[in-house]
C-alpha atoms as a PDB file:
ATOM      1  CA  MET A   1       0.421 -25.851 -24.769  1.00  0.00           C
ATOM      2  CA  PRO A   2       3.061 -27.207 -22.337  1.00  0.00           C
ATOM      3  CA  LEU A   3       2.946 -30.569 -24.107  1.00  0.00           C
ATOM      4  CA  LEU A   4       3.099 -28.964 -27.547  1.00  0.00           C
ATOM      5  CA  THR A   5       5.963 -26.785 -26.257  1.00  0.00           C
ATOM      6  CA  LEU A   6       7.920 -29.848 -25.123  1.00  0.00           C
ATOM      7  CA  ALA A   7       7.465 -31.366 -28.581  1.00  0.00           C
ATOM      8  CA  PHE A   8       8.554 -28.147 -30.184  1.00  0.00           C
ATOM      9  CA  ILE A   9      11.655 -27.905 -27.958  1.00  0.00           C
ATOM     10  CA  TRP A  10      12.742 -31.420 -28.868  1.00  0.00           C
ATOM     11  CA  LEU A  11      12.137 -30.966 -32.585  1.00  0.00           C
ATOM     12  CA  ALA A  12      13.772 -27.537 -32.828  1.00  0.00           C
ATOM     13  CA  ASP A  13      16.788 -28.497 -30.728  1.00  0.00           C
ATOM     14  CA  LEU A  14      16.844 -25.159 -28.887  1.00  0.00           C
ATOM     15  CA  SER A  15      19.245 -24.049 -26.190  1.00  0.00           C
ATOM     16  CA  PRO A  16      18.281 -24.868 -22.588  1.00  0.00           C
ATOM     17  CA  TYR A  17      17.313 -21.373 -21.399  1.00  0.00           C
ATOM     18  CA  ILE A  18      15.385 -20.466 -24.563  1.00  0.00           C
ATOM     19  CA  SER A  19      13.544 -23.740 -24.106  1.00  0.00           C
ATOM     20  CA  LEU A  20      12.801 -22.996 -20.484  1.00  0.00           C
ATOM     21  CA  GLY A  21      11.610 -19.496 -21.417  1.00  0.00           C
ATOM     22  CA  LEU A  22       9.128 -20.961 -23.936  1.00  0.00           C
ATOM     23  CA  LEU A  23       7.982 -23.528 -21.387  1.00  0.00           C
ATOM     24  CA  LEU A  24       7.399 -20.857 -18.745  1.00  0.00           C
ATOM     25  CA  VAL A  25       5.338 -18.745 -21.167  1.00  0.00           C
ATOM     26  CA  SER A  26       3.263 -21.815 -22.047  1.00  0.00           C
ATOM     27  CA  VAL A  27       2.168 -22.407 -18.424  1.00  0.00           C
ATOM     28  CA  CYS A  28       1.202 -18.765 -17.840  1.00  0.00           C
ATOM     29  CA  PRO A  29      -2.460 -17.785 -18.012  1.00  0.00           C
ATOM     30  CA  GLY A  30      -4.045 -15.851 -20.857  1.00  0.00           C
ATOM     31  CA  GLY A  31      -3.378 -12.139 -21.002  1.00  0.00           C
ATOM     32  CA  ASN A  32      -6.039  -9.554 -20.336  1.00  0.00           C
ATOM     33  CA  VAL A  33      -5.458  -7.966 -23.741  1.00  0.00           C
ATOM     34  CA  SER A  34      -7.073 -11.058 -25.261  1.00  0.00           C
ATOM     35  CA  ASN A  35     -10.461  -9.648 -24.157  1.00  0.00           C
ATOM     36  CA  PHE A  36      -9.835  -6.566 -26.357  1.00  0.00           C
ATOM     37  CA  PHE A  37      -8.791  -8.746 -29.324  1.00  0.00           C
ATOM     38  CA  SER A  38     -11.917 -10.914 -28.887  1.00  0.00           C
ATOM     39  CA  LEU A  39     -14.013  -7.767 -29.041  1.00  0.00           C
ATOM     40  CA  LEU A  40     -12.145  -6.553 -32.124  1.00  0.00           C
ATOM     41  CA  SER A  41     -12.545  -9.964 -33.789  1.00  0.00           C
ATOM     42  CA  ASN A  42     -16.324 -10.126 -33.197  1.00  0.00           C
ATOM     43  CA  GLY A  43     -15.669 -13.086 -30.917  1.00  0.00           C
ATOM     44  CA  ASN A  44     -17.441 -14.064 -27.721  1.00  0.00           C
ATOM     45  CA  VAL A  45     -16.162 -11.452 -25.254  1.00  0.00           C
ATOM     46  CA  ALA A  46     -17.995 -12.960 -22.277  1.00  0.00           C
ATOM     47  CA  LEU A  47     -16.240 -16.278 -22.949  1.00  0.00           C
ATOM     48  CA  SER A  48     -12.898 -14.518 -23.258  1.00  0.00           C
ATOM     49  CA  VAL A  49     -13.348 -12.725 -19.957  1.00  0.00           C
ATOM     50  CA  ALA A  50     -14.404 -15.978 -18.248  1.00  0.00           C
ATOM     51  CA  LEU A  51     -11.397 -17.860 -19.619  1.00  0.00           C
ATOM     52  CA  THR A  52      -8.983 -15.142 -18.555  1.00  0.00           C
ATOM     53  CA  PHE A  53     -10.607 -14.999 -15.128  1.00  0.00           C
ATOM     54  CA  PHE A  54     -10.461 -18.752 -14.440  1.00  0.00           C
ATOM     55  CA  SER A  55      -7.023 -19.242 -15.946  1.00  0.00           C
ATOM     56  CA  SER A  56      -5.714 -16.391 -13.736  1.00  0.00           C
ATOM     57  CA  ILE A  57      -7.237 -17.990 -10.611  1.00  0.00           C
ATOM     58  CA  PHE A  58      -5.810 -21.465 -11.372  1.00  0.00           C
ATOM     59  CA  ALA A  59      -2.457 -19.975 -12.449  1.00  0.00           C
ATOM     60  CA  VAL A  60      -1.560 -19.264  -8.838  1.00  0.00           C
ATOM     61  CA  LEU A  61      -0.900 -23.004  -8.482  1.00  0.00           C
ATOM     62  CA  VAL A  62      -0.826 -24.219 -12.099  1.00  0.00           C
ATOM     63  CA  THR A  63       1.948 -21.878 -13.272  1.00  0.00           C
ATOM     64  CA  PRO A  64       4.675 -22.686 -10.695  1.00  0.00           C
ATOM     65  CA  PHE A  65       3.832 -26.350 -10.229  1.00  0.00           C
ATOM     66  CA  GLY A  66       3.103 -26.877 -13.919  1.00  0.00           C
ATOM     67  CA  PHE A  67       6.467 -25.367 -14.823  1.00  0.00           C
ATOM     68  CA  ALA A  68       8.234 -27.634 -12.289  1.00  0.00           C
ATOM     69  CA  LEU A  69       6.437 -30.660 -13.639  1.00  0.00           C
ATOM     70  CA  PHE A  70       7.058 -30.024 -17.365  1.00  0.00           C
ATOM     71  CA  ALA A  71      10.618 -28.783 -16.762  1.00  0.00           C
ATOM     72  CA  ASN A  72      11.325 -32.179 -15.142  1.00  0.00           C
ATOM     73  CA  TRP A  73      10.041 -33.851 -18.345  1.00  0.00           C
ATOM     74  CA  SER A  74      12.391 -31.772 -20.454  1.00  0.00           C
ATOM     75  CA  PRO A  75      16.109 -32.474 -20.980  1.00  0.00           C
ATOM     76  CA  PHE A  76      16.969 -29.330 -19.002  1.00  0.00           C
ATOM     77  CA  THR A  77      16.097 -30.214 -15.399  1.00  0.00           C
ATOM     78  CA  GLU A  78      19.707 -29.628 -14.350  1.00  0.00           C
ATOM     79  CA  TYR A  79      19.537 -26.026 -15.503  1.00  0.00           C
ATOM     80  CA  VAL A  80      16.453 -25.294 -13.400  1.00  0.00           C
ATOM     81  CA  GLN A  81      18.275 -26.714 -10.364  1.00  0.00           C
ATOM     82  CA  LEU A  82      21.000 -24.118 -10.738  1.00  0.00           C
ATOM     83  CA  PHE A  83      18.567 -21.532  -9.362  1.00  0.00           C
ATOM     84  CA  ASP A  84      17.228 -21.259  -5.829  1.00  0.00           C
ATOM     85  CA  LEU A  85      13.693 -21.920  -7.012  1.00  0.00           C
ATOM     86  CA  ARG A  86      11.228 -22.527  -4.213  1.00  0.00           C
ATOM     87  CA  LEU A  87       7.687 -22.921  -5.498  1.00  0.00           C
ATOM     88  CA  THR A  88       6.229 -21.878  -2.173  1.00  0.00           C
ATOM     89  CA  ASP A  89       7.884 -18.450  -2.660  1.00  0.00           C
ATOM     90  CA  ILE A  90       6.287 -17.989  -6.057  1.00  0.00           C
ATOM     91  CA  VAL A  91       2.676 -18.677  -4.975  1.00  0.00           C
ATOM     92  CA  PRO A  92       2.274 -15.579  -2.732  1.00  0.00           C
ATOM     93  CA  ILE A  93       3.649 -13.318  -5.486  1.00  0.00           C
ATOM     94  CA  LEU A  94       1.222 -14.810  -8.039  1.00  0.00           C
ATOM     95  CA  PHE A  95      -1.596 -14.393  -5.538  1.00  0.00           C
ATOM     96  CA  ALA A  96      -0.763 -10.691  -5.186  1.00  0.00           C
ATOM     97  CA  ILE A  97      -0.352 -10.136  -8.958  1.00  0.00           C
ATOM     98  CA  LEU A  98      -3.354 -12.171 -10.180  1.00  0.00           C
ATOM     99  CA  LEU A  99      -5.974 -12.694  -7.499  1.00  0.00           C
ATOM    100  CA  LEU A 100      -5.899  -9.430  -5.524  1.00  0.00           C
ATOM    101  CA  PRO A 101      -6.713  -7.267  -8.577  1.00  0.00           C
ATOM    102  CA  LEU A 102      -9.444  -9.726  -9.617  1.00  0.00           C
ATOM    103  CA  GLY A 103     -10.946  -9.701  -6.128  1.00  0.00           C
ATOM    104  CA  PHE A 104     -10.830  -5.927  -5.957  1.00  0.00           C
ATOM    105  CA  GLY A 105     -12.525  -5.639  -9.388  1.00  0.00           C
ATOM    106  CA  PHE A 106     -15.332  -7.939  -8.336  1.00  0.00           C
ATOM    107  CA  LEU A 107     -15.959  -6.075  -5.087  1.00  0.00           C
ATOM    108  CA  LEU A 108     -16.003  -2.772  -6.984  1.00  0.00           C
ATOM    109  CA  ARG A 109     -18.418  -4.213  -9.526  1.00  0.00           C
ATOM    110  CA  LYS A 110     -20.713  -5.552  -6.779  1.00  0.00           C
ATOM    111  CA  TYR A 111     -20.789  -2.571  -4.388  1.00  0.00           C
ATOM    112  CA  VAL A 112     -19.989   0.433  -6.622  1.00  0.00           C
ATOM    113  CA  PRO A 113     -21.304  -0.608 -10.085  1.00  0.00           C
ATOM    114  CA  ILE A 114     -21.536   2.931 -11.400  1.00  0.00           C
ATOM    115  CA  LEU A 115     -17.874   3.616 -10.697  1.00  0.00           C
ATOM    116  CA  ALA A 116     -16.945   0.173 -12.059  1.00  0.00           C
ATOM    117  CA  ASN A 117     -18.685   0.874 -15.362  1.00  0.00           C
ATOM    118  CA  ARG A 118     -16.949   4.226 -15.700  1.00  0.00           C
ATOM    119  CA  LEU A 119     -13.559   2.705 -14.962  1.00  0.00           C
ATOM    120  CA  LYS A 120     -13.986  -0.351 -17.259  1.00  0.00           C
ATOM    121  CA  SER A 121     -12.698   1.201 -20.513  1.00  0.00           C
ATOM    122  CA  PRO A 122      -9.939   3.351 -19.001  1.00  0.00           C
ATOM    123  CA  MET A 123      -8.659   0.360 -16.969  1.00  0.00           C
ATOM    124  CA  LYS A 124      -8.427  -1.816 -20.105  1.00  0.00           C
ATOM    125  CA  ILE A 125      -6.310   0.868 -21.779  1.00  0.00           C
ATOM    126  CA  LEU A 126      -4.237   1.331 -18.656  1.00  0.00           C
ATOM    127  CA  GLY A 127      -3.664  -2.413 -18.413  1.00  0.00           C
ATOM    128  CA  ILE A 128      -2.363  -2.612 -21.964  1.00  0.00           C
ATOM    129  CA  PHE A 129      -0.192   0.459 -21.357  1.00  0.00           C
ATOM    130  CA  ILE A 130       1.295  -0.939 -18.139  1.00  0.00           C
ATOM    131  CA  LEU A 131       2.037  -4.292 -19.870  1.00  0.00           C
ATOM    132  CA  MET A 132       3.825  -2.557 -22.762  1.00  0.00           C
ATOM    133  CA  LEU A 133       5.694  -0.249 -20.367  1.00  0.00           C
ATOM    134  CA  PHE A 134       6.855  -3.214 -18.302  1.00  0.00           C
ATOM    135  CA  ILE A 135       8.025  -5.151 -21.382  1.00  0.00           C
ATOM    136  CA  PHE A 136       9.786  -2.195 -23.019  1.00  0.00           C
ATOM    137  CA  GLY A 137      11.318  -1.253 -19.655  1.00  0.00           C
ATOM    138  CA  ALA A 138      12.790  -4.695 -19.288  1.00  0.00           C
ATOM    139  CA  VAL A 139      14.039  -4.645 -22.876  1.00  0.00           C
ATOM    140  CA  TRP A 140      15.530  -1.160 -22.479  1.00  0.00           C
ATOM    141  CA  LYS A 141      17.329  -2.060 -19.239  1.00  0.00           C
ATOM    142  CA  HIS A 142      18.997  -5.003 -20.900  1.00  0.00           C
ATOM    143  CA  ARG A 143      18.965  -3.617 -24.466  1.00  0.00           C
ATOM    144  CA  SER A 144      22.586  -4.488 -25.337  1.00  0.00           C
ATOM    145  CA  SER A 145      22.246  -8.159 -24.410  1.00  0.00           C
ATOM    146  CA  PHE A 146      18.682  -8.290 -25.760  1.00  0.00           C
ATOM    147  CA  MET A 147      19.776  -7.152 -29.202  1.00  0.00           C
ATOM    148  CA  ILE A 148      22.478  -9.820 -29.243  1.00  0.00           C
ATOM    149  CA  ILE A 149      20.060 -12.625 -28.174  1.00  0.00           C
ATOM    150  CA  LEU A 150      17.040 -11.409 -30.271  1.00  0.00           C
ATOM    151  CA  PRO A 151      18.152 -13.092 -33.577  1.00  0.00           C
ATOM    152  CA  THR A 152      18.362 -16.416 -31.712  1.00  0.00           C
ATOM    153  CA  VAL A 153      14.922 -16.196 -30.162  1.00  0.00           C
ATOM    154  CA  PHE A 154      13.149 -14.361 -33.014  1.00  0.00           C
ATOM    155  CA  ILE A 155      12.055 -17.368 -35.096  1.00  0.00           C
ATOM    156  CA  PRO A 156      11.411 -19.800 -32.158  1.00  0.00           C
ATOM    157  CA  VAL A 157       9.028 -17.285 -30.534  1.00  0.00           C
ATOM    158  CA  LEU A 158       7.151 -16.697 -33.817  1.00  0.00           C
ATOM    159  CA  LEU A 159       6.752 -20.438 -34.355  1.00  0.00           C
ATOM    160  CA  HIS A 160       5.769 -21.046 -30.745  1.00  0.00           C
ATOM    161  CA  ASN A 161       3.102 -18.297 -30.906  1.00  0.00           C
ATOM    162  CA  LEU A 162       1.848 -19.729 -34.172  1.00  0.00           C
ATOM    163  CA  ILE A 163       1.542 -23.130 -32.493  1.00  0.00           C
ATOM    164  CA  ALA A 164      -0.481 -21.471 -29.728  1.00  0.00           C
ATOM    165  CA  PHE A 165      -2.914 -19.851 -32.119  1.00  0.00           C
ATOM    166  CA  LEU A 166      -3.314 -22.990 -34.218  1.00  0.00           C
ATOM    167  CA  SER A 167      -3.806 -25.235 -31.198  1.00  0.00           C
ATOM    168  CA  GLY A 168      -6.606 -22.956 -29.942  1.00  0.00           C
ATOM    169  CA  TYR A 169      -8.196 -22.897 -33.394  1.00  0.00           C
ATOM    170  CA  PHE A 170      -8.165 -26.669 -33.910  1.00  0.00           C
ATOM    171  CA  ALA A 171      -9.279 -27.275 -30.300  1.00  0.00           C
ATOM    172  CA  GLY A 172     -12.336 -25.196 -31.052  1.00  0.00           C
ATOM    173  CA  LYS A 173     -12.935 -26.963 -34.366  1.00  0.00           C
ATOM    174  CA  VAL A 174     -12.632 -30.445 -32.789  1.00  0.00           C
ATOM    175  CA  ALA A 175     -15.064 -29.381 -29.979  1.00  0.00           C
ATOM    176  CA  GLY A 176     -17.583 -28.319 -32.627  1.00  0.00           C
ATOM    177  CA  LEU A 177     -17.855 -24.751 -31.377  1.00  0.00           C
ATOM    178  CA  ARG A 178     -19.424 -21.907 -33.293  1.00  0.00           C
ATOM    179  CA  LYS A 179     -17.355 -19.406 -35.246  1.00  0.00           C
ATOM    180  CA  ARG A 180     -17.363 -16.720 -32.490  1.00  0.00           C
ATOM    181  CA  GLU A 181     -16.229 -19.207 -29.841  1.00  0.00           C
ATOM    182  CA  ILE A 182     -13.531 -20.637 -32.070  1.00  0.00           C
ATOM    183  CA  ARG A 183     -12.134 -17.138 -32.592  1.00  0.00           C
ATOM    184  CA  THR A 184     -12.144 -16.506 -28.873  1.00  0.00           C
ATOM    185  CA  ILE A 185     -10.376 -19.812 -28.012  1.00  0.00           C
ATOM    186  CA  THR A 186      -7.819 -19.161 -30.735  1.00  0.00           C
ATOM    187  CA  ILE A 187      -7.005 -15.679 -29.354  1.00  0.00           C
ATOM    188  CA  GLU A 188      -7.119 -16.740 -25.736  1.00  0.00           C
ATOM    189  CA  THR A 189      -4.563 -19.482 -26.398  1.00  0.00           C
ATOM    190  CA  GLY A 190      -2.284 -17.292 -28.493  1.00  0.00           C
ATOM    191  CA  ILE A 191      -2.239 -14.337 -26.055  1.00  0.00           C
ATOM    192  CA  GLN A 192      -0.282 -15.170 -22.902  1.00  0.00           C
ATOM    193  CA  ASN A 193       0.481 -13.189 -19.726  1.00  0.00           C
ATOM    194  CA  THR A 194       4.115 -12.600 -20.659  1.00  0.00           C
ATOM    195  CA  GLY A 195       4.349  -9.823 -18.027  1.00  0.00           C
ATOM    196  CA  LEU A 196       3.827 -12.498 -15.390  1.00  0.00           C
ATOM    197  CA  SER A 197       6.555 -14.663 -16.977  1.00  0.00           C
ATOM    198  CA  LEU A 198       8.965 -11.719 -16.833  1.00  0.00           C
ATOM    199  CA  VAL A 199       8.177 -11.154 -13.151  1.00  0.00           C
ATOM    200  CA  ILE A 200       9.034 -14.807 -12.470  1.00  0.00           C
ATOM    201  CA  ILE A 201      12.193 -14.690 -14.564  1.00  0.00           C
ATOM    202  CA  PHE A 202      13.538 -11.531 -12.858  1.00  0.00           C
ATOM    203  CA  GLY A 203      12.411 -12.659  -9.430  1.00  0.00           C
ATOM    204  CA  PHE A 204      13.455 -16.325  -9.420  1.00  0.00           C
ATOM    205  CA  PHE A 205      15.820 -16.918 -12.363  1.00  0.00           C
ATOM    206  CA  ASP A 206      18.168 -14.005 -11.712  1.00  0.00           C
ATOM    207  CA  GLY A 207      16.863 -12.231 -14.829  1.00  0.00           C
ATOM    208  CA  ASN A 208      18.370 -14.885 -17.086  1.00  0.00           C
ATOM    209  CA  GLN A 209      18.961 -13.021 -20.352  1.00  0.00           C
ATOM    210  CA  GLU A 210      17.797 -15.755 -22.746  1.00  0.00           C
ATOM    211  CA  MET A 211      14.652 -16.488 -20.797  1.00  0.00           C
ATOM    212  CA  ALA A 212      13.876 -12.781 -20.436  1.00  0.00           C
ATOM    213  CA  ALA A 213      14.456 -12.239 -24.177  1.00  0.00           C
ATOM    214  CA  VAL A 214      12.004 -15.039 -24.988  1.00  0.00           C
ATOM    215  CA  ALA A 215       9.309 -13.570 -22.675  1.00  0.00           C
ATOM    216  CA  ALA A 216       9.876  -9.975 -23.828  1.00  0.00           C
ATOM    217  CA  TRP A 217       9.813 -10.792 -27.540  1.00  0.00           C
ATOM    218  CA  TRP A 218       6.782 -13.035 -26.944  1.00  0.00           C
ATOM    219  CA  GLY A 219       5.072 -10.078 -25.210  1.00  0.00           C
ATOM    220  CA  ILE A 220       5.746  -7.795 -28.176  1.00  0.00           C
ATOM    221  CA  TRP A 221       5.012 -10.300 -30.913  1.00  0.00           C
ATOM    222  CA  HIS A 222       1.720 -11.709 -29.608  1.00  0.00           C
ATOM    223  CA  LEU A 223       0.326  -8.175 -29.613  1.00  0.00           C
ATOM    224  CA  ILE A 224       1.337  -7.761 -33.255  1.00  0.00           C
ATOM    225  CA  ALA A 225       0.003 -11.197 -34.206  1.00  0.00           C
ATOM    226  CA  GLY A 226      -3.202 -10.737 -32.174  1.00  0.00           C
ATOM    227  CA  SER A 227      -3.849  -7.349 -33.774  1.00  0.00           C
ATOM    228  CA  ALA A 228      -3.281  -8.786 -37.286  1.00  0.00           C
ATOM    229  CA  LEU A 229      -5.549 -11.762 -36.639  1.00  0.00           C
ATOM    230  CA  SER A 230      -8.290  -9.565 -35.190  1.00  0.00           C
ATOM    231  CA  ILE A 231      -8.159  -7.222 -38.169  1.00  0.00           C
ATOM    232  CA  PHE A 232      -8.306 -10.229 -40.525  1.00  0.00           C
ATOM    233  CA  TYR A 233     -11.358 -11.621 -38.784  1.00  0.00           C
ATOM    234  CA  ARG A 234     -13.082  -8.268 -38.844  1.00  0.00           C
ATOM    235  CA  TYR A 235     -12.229  -7.751 -42.560  1.00  0.00           C
ATOM    236  CA  ARG A 236     -13.521 -11.255 -43.425  1.00  0.00           C
ATOM    237  CA  ASP A 237     -16.794 -10.540 -41.613  1.00  0.00           C
ATOM    238  CA  LYS A 238     -17.140  -7.351 -43.592  1.00  0.00           C
ATOM    239  CA  VAL A 239     -16.507  -9.095 -46.905  1.00  0.00           C
ATOM    240  CA  ASN A 240     -18.959 -11.895 -46.087  1.00  0.00           C
ATOM    241  CA  SER A 241     -21.578  -9.345 -45.023  1.00  0.00           C
ATOM    242  CA  GLU A 242     -21.208  -7.444 -48.308  1.00  0.00           C
ATOM    243  CA  SER A 243     -21.380 -10.687 -50.304  1.00  0.00           C
ATOM    244  CA  ASN A 244     -24.607 -11.678 -48.544  1.00  0.00           C
ATOM    245  CA  GLU A 245     -26.132  -8.295 -49.248  1.00  0.00           C
ATOM    246  CA  GLU A 246     -25.261  -8.635 -52.952  1.00  0.00           C
ATOM    247  CA  LEU A 247     -26.853 -12.083 -53.092  1.00  0.00           C
ATOM    248  CA  GLN A 248     -30.030 -10.743 -51.478  1.00  0.00           C
ATOM    249  CA  LEU A 249     -30.181  -7.962 -54.059  1.00  0.00           C
END
């Protein structure tokens, strides 16, 4: 995704901070809501959970250092240098946001499995609610500037998200995976942890309005696109199932 994002930035001739916002989203791990979409899509939920888990672990280092690496490959290195961006300051925050909750969940699952099973569904709903609350809170706080910038980022974010879904789909196809796994890879690539990108933007980029608008609109749109794709997959399975039943009759 970062490499495809760089290509997209160059081809689309986007402004520096919109480009950096897209690049930051591309190096963030998959979002937890992807597990729900995989379930809705009749995908491989276990694979989705594993991908989210490992991408979240590696993101503690991959996200900050990956962004620094790919930002230096972009034409906008000078704009990154305008901020007091110390990668060593980002790592502890990512550790607290990503790894501590994962560790707590595993300990709960291991030592109090009954409670973990009872909390599983409510925590998924709570996670989606907190993500949406965080995104809409950021948008509402900066609503006047967000509405001005939105027309500029609207199409680039849609295209960038489409690139993410398509790259996941074709990666699964090239790897020769089964239908369920291809769906999961597609969704996992197209659903990003935009809440994390917003935390980084507000914490280390002074809440840059263009970057924040990219991450916020990405966070809203990928939920819409993910829902639509999941419903499409489920509908297609239903149609195929009915067609097979008619052939058997």
